[in-house]
Amino acid sequence: MSEIGKLSKEDWKKVGIGACVAGAGAVLTYLAEWATGMSFGTWTPIVVGGLSILANAVRKIATNTNQ
């Protein structure tokens, strides 16, 4: 636990990880919005499935507590 008003290396690491998770969520949200407006023809199910898999992988990586 850090002192009030100061951040340790571990605190900065957690802040950085949180920023990366938030950024990844924003990118995935943008991709989902973009994908719904695009026409991929017969590839549509593959693109939608791929984005779903990517979103689940990012969520799993972000919430991995096995350290």
PDB file of N, CA and C in Angstrom:
ATOM      1  N   MET A   1       0.845  -1.175   0.000  1.00  0.00           N
ATOM      2  CA  MET A   1       0.000   0.000   0.000  1.00  0.00           C
ATOM      3  C   MET A   1       0.885   1.230   0.000  1.00  0.00           C
ATOM      4  N   SER A   2       0.590   2.157  -0.880  1.00  0.00           N
ATOM      5  CA  SER A   2       1.378   3.382  -0.993  1.00  0.00           C
ATOM      6  C   SER A   2       0.898   4.434  -0.002  1.00  0.00           C
ATOM      7  N   GLU A   3       1.785   5.389   0.245  1.00  0.00           N
ATOM      8  CA  GLU A   3       1.408   6.517   1.090  1.00  0.00           C
ATOM      9  C   GLU A   3       0.406   7.394   0.342  1.00  0.00           C
ATOM     10  N   ILE A   4      -0.379   8.127   1.096  1.00  0.00           N
ATOM     11  CA  ILE A   4      -1.338   9.043   0.489  1.00  0.00           C
ATOM     12  C   ILE A   4      -0.582  10.086  -0.322  1.00  0.00           C
ATOM     13  N   GLY A   5      -1.016  10.290  -1.567  1.00  0.00           N
ATOM     14  CA  GLY A   5      -0.399  11.287  -2.433  1.00  0.00           C
ATOM     15  C   GLY A   5       0.810  10.804  -3.199  1.00  0.00           C
ATOM     16  N   LYS A   6       1.200   9.549  -3.016  1.00  0.00           N
ATOM     17  CA  LYS A   6       2.357   9.000  -3.733  1.00  0.00           C
ATOM     18  C   LYS A   6       1.965   7.678  -4.380  1.00  0.00           C
ATOM     19  N   LEU A   7       2.592   7.386  -5.507  1.00  0.00           N
ATOM     20  CA  LEU A   7       2.338   6.133  -6.203  1.00  0.00           C
ATOM     21  C   LEU A   7       3.632   5.345  -6.318  1.00  0.00           C
ATOM     22  N   SER A   8       3.555   4.071  -5.989  1.00  0.00           N
ATOM     23  CA  SER A   8       4.716   3.195  -6.122  1.00  0.00           C
ATOM     24  C   SER A   8       4.794   2.670  -7.558  1.00  0.00           C
ATOM     25  N   LYS A   9       5.855   1.931  -7.858  1.00  0.00           N
ATOM     26  CA  LYS A   9       5.997   1.321  -9.180  1.00  0.00           C
ATOM     27  C   LYS A   9       4.822   0.389  -9.459  1.00  0.00           C
ATOM     28  N   GLU A  10       4.429  -0.357  -8.452  1.00  0.00           N
ATOM     29  CA  GLU A  10       3.305  -1.293  -8.610  1.00  0.00           C
ATOM     30  C   GLU A  10       2.009  -0.534  -8.907  1.00  0.00           C
ATOM     31  N   ASP A  11       1.810   0.600  -8.245  1.00  0.00           N
ATOM     32  CA  ASP A  11       0.629   1.426  -8.513  1.00  0.00           C
ATOM     33  C   ASP A  11       0.633   1.925  -9.953  1.00  0.00           C
ATOM     34  N   TRP A  12       1.798   2.417 -10.415  1.00  0.00           N
ATOM     35  CA  TRP A  12       1.896   2.901 -11.788  1.00  0.00           C
ATOM     36  C   TRP A  12       1.646   1.774 -12.785  1.00  0.00           C
ATOM     37  N   LYS A  13       2.118   0.570 -12.460  1.00  0.00           N
ATOM     38  CA  LYS A  13       1.879  -0.588 -13.319  1.00  0.00           C
ATOM     39  C   LYS A  13       0.379  -0.862 -13.427  1.00  0.00           C
ATOM     40  N   LYS A  14      -0.321  -0.803 -12.312  1.00  0.00           N
ATOM     41  CA  LYS A  14      -1.765  -1.034 -12.323  1.00  0.00           C
ATOM     42  C   LYS A  14      -2.496   0.050 -13.099  1.00  0.00           C
ATOM     43  N   VAL A  15      -2.058   1.288 -12.959  1.00  0.00           N
ATOM     44  CA  VAL A  15      -2.660   2.387 -13.716  1.00  0.00           C
ATOM     45  C   VAL A  15      -2.437   2.160 -15.214  1.00  0.00           C
ATOM     46  N   GLY A  16      -1.231   1.755 -15.586  1.00  0.00           N
ATOM     47  CA  GLY A  16      -0.920   1.489 -16.989  1.00  0.00           C
ATOM     48  C   GLY A  16      -1.744   0.352 -17.565  1.00  0.00           C
ATOM     49  N   ILE A  17      -1.882  -0.717 -16.794  1.00  0.00           N
ATOM     50  CA  ILE A  17      -2.687  -1.854 -17.242  1.00  0.00           C
ATOM     51  C   ILE A  17      -4.141  -1.421 -17.406  1.00  0.00           C
ATOM     52  N   GLY A  18      -4.647  -0.656 -16.465  1.00  0.00           N
ATOM     53  CA  GLY A  18      -6.015  -0.156 -16.566  1.00  0.00           C
ATOM     54  C   GLY A  18      -6.220   0.712 -17.797  1.00  0.00           C
ATOM     55  N   ALA A  19      -5.232   1.543 -18.112  1.00  0.00           N
ATOM     56  CA  ALA A  19      -5.319   2.392 -19.303  1.00  0.00           C
ATOM     57  C   ALA A  19      -5.310   1.541 -20.573  1.00  0.00           C
ATOM     58  N   CYS A  20      -4.486   0.498 -20.583  1.00  0.00           N
ATOM     59  CA  CYS A  20      -4.445  -0.393 -21.743  1.00  0.00           C
ATOM     60  C   CYS A  20      -5.766  -1.137 -21.927  1.00  0.00           C
ATOM     61  N   VAL A  21      -6.343  -1.596 -20.838  1.00  0.00           N
ATOM     62  CA  VAL A  21      -7.627  -2.289 -20.908  1.00  0.00           C
ATOM     63  C   VAL A  21      -8.711  -1.340 -21.426  1.00  0.00           C
ATOM     64  N   ALA A  22      -8.722  -0.112 -20.913  1.00  0.00           N
ATOM     65  CA  ALA A  22      -9.706   0.874 -21.371  1.00  0.00           C
ATOM     66  C   ALA A  22      -9.500   1.187 -22.847  1.00  0.00           C
ATOM     67  N   GLY A  23      -8.252   1.333 -23.262  1.00  0.00           N
ATOM     68  CA  GLY A  23      -7.958   1.599 -24.673  1.00  0.00           C
ATOM     69  C   GLY A  23      -8.380   0.448 -25.571  1.00  0.00           C
ATOM     70  N   ALA A  24      -8.099  -0.773 -25.130  1.00  0.00           N
ATOM     71  CA  ALA A  24      -8.496  -1.947 -25.911  1.00  0.00           C
ATOM     72  C   ALA A  24     -10.017  -2.029 -26.023  1.00  0.00           C
ATOM     73  N   GLY A  25     -10.708  -1.711 -24.948  1.00  0.00           N
ATOM     74  CA  GLY A  25     -12.166  -1.695 -24.985  1.00  0.00           C
ATOM     75  C   GLY A  25     -12.688  -0.657 -25.962  1.00  0.00           C
ATOM     76  N   ALA A  26     -12.060   0.502 -25.982  1.00  0.00           N
ATOM     77  CA  ALA A  26     -12.474   1.557 -26.916  1.00  0.00           C
ATOM     78  C   ALA A  26     -12.240   1.127 -28.364  1.00  0.00           C
ATOM     79  N   VAL A  27     -11.089   0.502 -28.619  1.00  0.00           N
ATOM     80  CA  VAL A  27     -10.788   0.034 -29.975  1.00  0.00           C
ATOM     81  C   VAL A  27     -11.776  -1.041 -30.406  1.00  0.00           C
ATOM     82  N   LEU A  28     -12.064  -1.989 -29.511  1.00  0.00           N
ATOM     83  CA  LEU A  28     -13.019  -3.047 -29.850  1.00  0.00           C
ATOM     84  C   LEU A  28     -14.419  -2.490 -30.079  1.00  0.00           C
ATOM     85  N   THR A  29     -14.798  -1.483 -29.297  1.00  0.00           N
ATOM     86  CA  THR A  29     -16.099  -0.845 -29.497  1.00  0.00           C
ATOM     87  C   THR A  29     -16.149  -0.172 -30.865  1.00  0.00           C
ATOM     88  N   TYR A  30     -15.082   0.531 -31.214  1.00  0.00           N
ATOM     89  CA  TYR A  30     -15.007   1.173 -32.528  1.00  0.00           C
ATOM     90  C   TYR A  30     -15.092   0.132 -33.641  1.00  0.00           C
ATOM     91  N   LEU A  31     -14.347  -0.962 -33.504  1.00  0.00           N
ATOM     92  CA  LEU A  31     -14.373  -2.007 -34.524  1.00  0.00           C
ATOM     93  C   LEU A  31     -15.759  -2.623 -34.670  1.00  0.00           C
ATOM     94  N   ALA A  32     -16.454  -2.811 -33.553  1.00  0.00           N
ATOM     95  CA  ALA A  32     -17.800  -3.366 -33.605  1.00  0.00           C
ATOM     96  C   ALA A  32     -18.743  -2.416 -34.337  1.00  0.00           C
ATOM     97  N   GLU A  33     -18.639  -1.119 -34.043  1.00  0.00           N
ATOM     98  CA  GLU A  33     -19.464  -0.126 -34.732  1.00  0.00           C
ATOM     99  C   GLU A  33     -19.148  -0.108 -36.224  1.00  0.00           C
ATOM    100  N   TRP A  34     -17.857  -0.144 -36.544  1.00  0.00           N
ATOM    101  CA  TRP A  34     -17.430  -0.124 -37.937  1.00  0.00           C
ATOM    102  C   TRP A  34     -17.914  -1.370 -38.671  1.00  0.00           C
ATOM    103  N   ALA A  35     -17.775  -2.524 -38.039  1.00  0.00           N
ATOM    104  CA  ALA A  35     -18.131  -3.789 -38.682  1.00  0.00           C
ATOM    105  C   ALA A  35     -19.623  -3.872 -38.978  1.00  0.00           C
ATOM    106  N   THR A  36     -20.448  -3.313 -38.102  1.00  0.00           N
ATOM    107  CA  THR A  36     -21.894  -3.386 -38.340  1.00  0.00           C
ATOM    108  C   THR A  36     -22.311  -2.505 -39.508  1.00  0.00           C
ATOM    109  N   GLY A  37     -21.517  -1.506 -39.841  1.00  0.00           N
ATOM    110  CA  GLY A  37     -21.839  -0.638 -40.962  1.00  0.00           C
ATOM    111  C   GLY A  37     -21.239  -1.090 -42.282  1.00  0.00           C
ATOM    112  N   MET A  38     -20.425  -2.115 -42.246  1.00  0.00           N
ATOM    113  CA  MET A  38     -19.755  -2.606 -43.456  1.00  0.00           C
ATOM    114  C   MET A  38     -20.480  -3.834 -43.997  1.00  0.00           C
ATOM    115  N   SER A  39     -20.297  -4.061 -45.269  1.00  0.00           N
ATOM    116  CA  SER A  39     -20.844  -5.261 -45.895  1.00  0.00           C
ATOM    117  C   SER A  39     -19.682  -6.177 -46.263  1.00  0.00           C
ATOM    118  N   PHE A  40     -19.625  -7.309 -45.623  1.00  0.00           N
ATOM    119  CA  PHE A  40     -18.554  -8.273 -45.878  1.00  0.00           C
ATOM    120  C   PHE A  40     -19.025  -9.445 -46.735  1.00  0.00           C
ATOM    121  N   GLY A  41     -20.261  -9.377 -47.188  1.00  0.00           N
ATOM    122  CA  GLY A  41     -20.803 -10.446 -48.023  1.00  0.00           C
ATOM    123  C   GLY A  41     -20.840 -11.763 -47.277  1.00  0.00           C
ATOM    124  N   THR A  42     -20.308 -12.786 -47.911  1.00  0.00           N
ATOM    125  CA  THR A  42     -20.339 -14.116 -47.293  1.00  0.00           C
ATOM    126  C   THR A  42     -19.366 -14.227 -46.118  1.00  0.00           C
ATOM    127  N   TRP A  43     -18.481 -13.251 -45.958  1.00  0.00           N
ATOM    128  CA  TRP A  43     -17.507 -13.257 -44.861  1.00  0.00           C
ATOM    129  C   TRP A  43     -18.088 -12.679 -43.571  1.00  0.00           C
ATOM    130  N   THR A  44     -19.290 -12.131 -43.613  1.00  0.00           N
ATOM    131  CA  THR A  44     -19.875 -11.476 -42.440  1.00  0.00           C
ATOM    132  C   THR A  44     -19.876 -12.362 -41.199  1.00  0.00           C
ATOM    133  N   PRO A  45     -20.334 -13.610 -41.264  1.00  0.00           N
ATOM    134  CA  PRO A  45     -20.307 -14.448 -40.043  1.00  0.00           C
ATOM    135  C   PRO A  45     -18.896 -14.658 -39.499  1.00  0.00           C
ATOM    136  N   ILE A  46     -17.921 -14.753 -40.377  1.00  0.00           N
ATOM    137  CA  ILE A  46     -16.539 -14.960 -39.934  1.00  0.00           C
ATOM    138  C   ILE A  46     -16.002 -13.698 -39.263  1.00  0.00           C
ATOM    139  N   VAL A  47     -16.290 -12.528 -39.832  1.00  0.00           N
ATOM    140  CA  VAL A  47     -15.837 -11.271 -39.251  1.00  0.00           C
ATOM    141  C   VAL A  47     -16.482 -11.057 -37.887  1.00  0.00           C
ATOM    142  N   VAL A  48     -17.793 -11.267 -37.795  1.00  0.00           N
ATOM    143  CA  VAL A  48     -18.498 -11.091 -36.521  1.00  0.00           C
ATOM    144  C   VAL A  48     -17.979 -12.078 -35.484  1.00  0.00           C
ATOM    145  N   GLY A  49     -17.805 -13.319 -35.879  1.00  0.00           N
ATOM    146  CA  GLY A  49     -17.262 -14.321 -34.963  1.00  0.00           C
ATOM    147  C   GLY A  49     -15.844 -13.982 -34.524  1.00  0.00           C
ATOM    148  N   GLY A  50     -15.033 -13.512 -35.464  1.00  0.00           N
ATOM    149  CA  GLY A  50     -13.662 -13.127 -35.130  1.00  0.00           C
ATOM    150  C   GLY A  50     -13.598 -11.981 -34.135  1.00  0.00           C
ATOM    151  N   LEU A  51     -14.460 -10.969 -34.333  1.00  0.00           N
ATOM    152  CA  LEU A  51     -14.494  -9.852 -33.386  1.00  0.00           C
ATOM    153  C   LEU A  51     -14.961 -10.313 -31.999  1.00  0.00           C
ATOM    154  N   SER A  52     -15.909 -11.233 -31.965  1.00  0.00           N
ATOM    155  CA  SER A  52     -16.372 -11.778 -30.683  1.00  0.00           C
ATOM    156  C   SER A  52     -15.258 -12.535 -29.970  1.00  0.00           C
ATOM    157  N   ILE A  53     -14.520 -13.329 -30.716  1.00  0.00           N
ATOM    158  CA  ILE A  53     -13.396 -14.074 -30.138  1.00  0.00           C
ATOM    159  C   ILE A  53     -12.332 -13.113 -29.633  1.00  0.00           C
ATOM    160  N   LEU A  54     -12.047 -12.078 -30.414  1.00  0.00           N
ATOM    161  CA  LEU A  54     -11.054 -11.085 -30.008  1.00  0.00           C
ATOM    162  C   LEU A  54     -11.487 -10.373 -28.725  1.00  0.00           C
ATOM    163  N   ALA A  55     -12.751 -10.003 -28.644  1.00  0.00           N
ATOM    164  CA  ALA A  55     -13.254  -9.337 -27.448  1.00  0.00           C
ATOM    165  C   ALA A  55     -13.136 -10.246 -26.226  1.00  0.00           C
ATOM    166  N   ASN A  56     -13.471 -11.520 -26.377  1.00  0.00           N
ATOM    167  CA  ASN A  56     -13.361 -12.459 -25.259  1.00  0.00           C
ATOM    168  C   ASN A  56     -11.907 -12.685 -24.861  1.00  0.00           C
ATOM    169  N   ALA A  57     -11.005 -12.730 -25.833  1.00  0.00           N
ATOM    170  CA  ALA A  57      -9.583 -12.916 -25.526  1.00  0.00           C
ATOM    171  C   ALA A  57      -9.044 -11.726 -24.742  1.00  0.00           C
ATOM    172  N   VAL A  58      -9.397 -10.522 -25.163  1.00  0.00           N
ATOM    173  CA  VAL A  58      -8.945  -9.318 -24.448  1.00  0.00           C
ATOM    174  C   VAL A  58      -9.509  -9.310 -23.038  1.00  0.00           C
ATOM    175  N   ARG A  59     -10.781  -9.667 -22.890  1.00  0.00           N
ATOM    176  CA  ARG A  59     -11.388  -9.712 -21.555  1.00  0.00           C
ATOM    177  C   ARG A  59     -10.682 -10.737 -20.669  1.00  0.00           C
ATOM    178  N   LYS A  60     -10.363 -11.898 -21.216  1.00  0.00           N
ATOM    179  CA  LYS A  60      -9.683 -12.950 -20.451  1.00  0.00           C
ATOM    180  C   LYS A  60      -8.283 -12.500 -20.021  1.00  0.00           C
ATOM    181  N   ILE A  61      -7.564 -11.868 -20.942  1.00  0.00           N
ATOM    182  CA  ILE A  61      -6.222 -11.381 -20.624  1.00  0.00           C
ATOM    183  C   ILE A  61      -6.292 -10.299 -19.550  1.00  0.00           C
ATOM    184  N   ALA A  62      -7.268  -9.418 -19.674  1.00  0.00           N
ATOM    185  CA  ALA A  62      -7.395  -8.298 -18.732  1.00  0.00           C
ATOM    186  C   ALA A  62      -7.801  -8.754 -17.341  1.00  0.00           C
ATOM    187  N   THR A  63      -8.549  -9.849 -17.262  1.00  0.00           N
ATOM    188  CA  THR A  63      -9.040 -10.308 -15.960  1.00  0.00           C
ATOM    189  C   THR A  63      -8.273 -11.507 -15.435  1.00  0.00           C
ATOM    190  N   ASN A  64      -7.164 -11.867 -16.055  1.00  0.00           N
ATOM    191  CA  ASN A  64      -6.376 -13.004 -15.607  1.00  0.00           C
ATOM    192  C   ASN A  64      -5.770 -12.688 -14.232  1.00  0.00           C
ATOM    193  N   THR A  65      -6.136 -13.476 -13.258  1.00  0.00           N
ATOM    194  CA  THR A  65      -5.639 -13.245 -11.892  1.00  0.00           C
ATOM    195  C   THR A  65      -4.635 -14.296 -11.461  1.00  0.00           C
ATOM    196  N   ASN A  66      -4.239 -15.177 -12.350  1.00  0.00           N
ATOM    197  CA  ASN A  66      -3.237 -16.206 -12.029  1.00  0.00           C
ATOM    198  C   ASN A  66      -1.856 -15.595 -12.120  1.00  0.00           C
ATOM    199  N   GLN A  67      -1.324 -15.168 -10.989  1.00  0.00           N
ATOM    200  CA  GLN A  67      -0.018 -14.526 -11.001  1.00  0.00           C
ATOM    201  C   GLN A  67       0.927 -15.234 -10.077  1.00  0.00           C
TER     202      GLN A  67
END
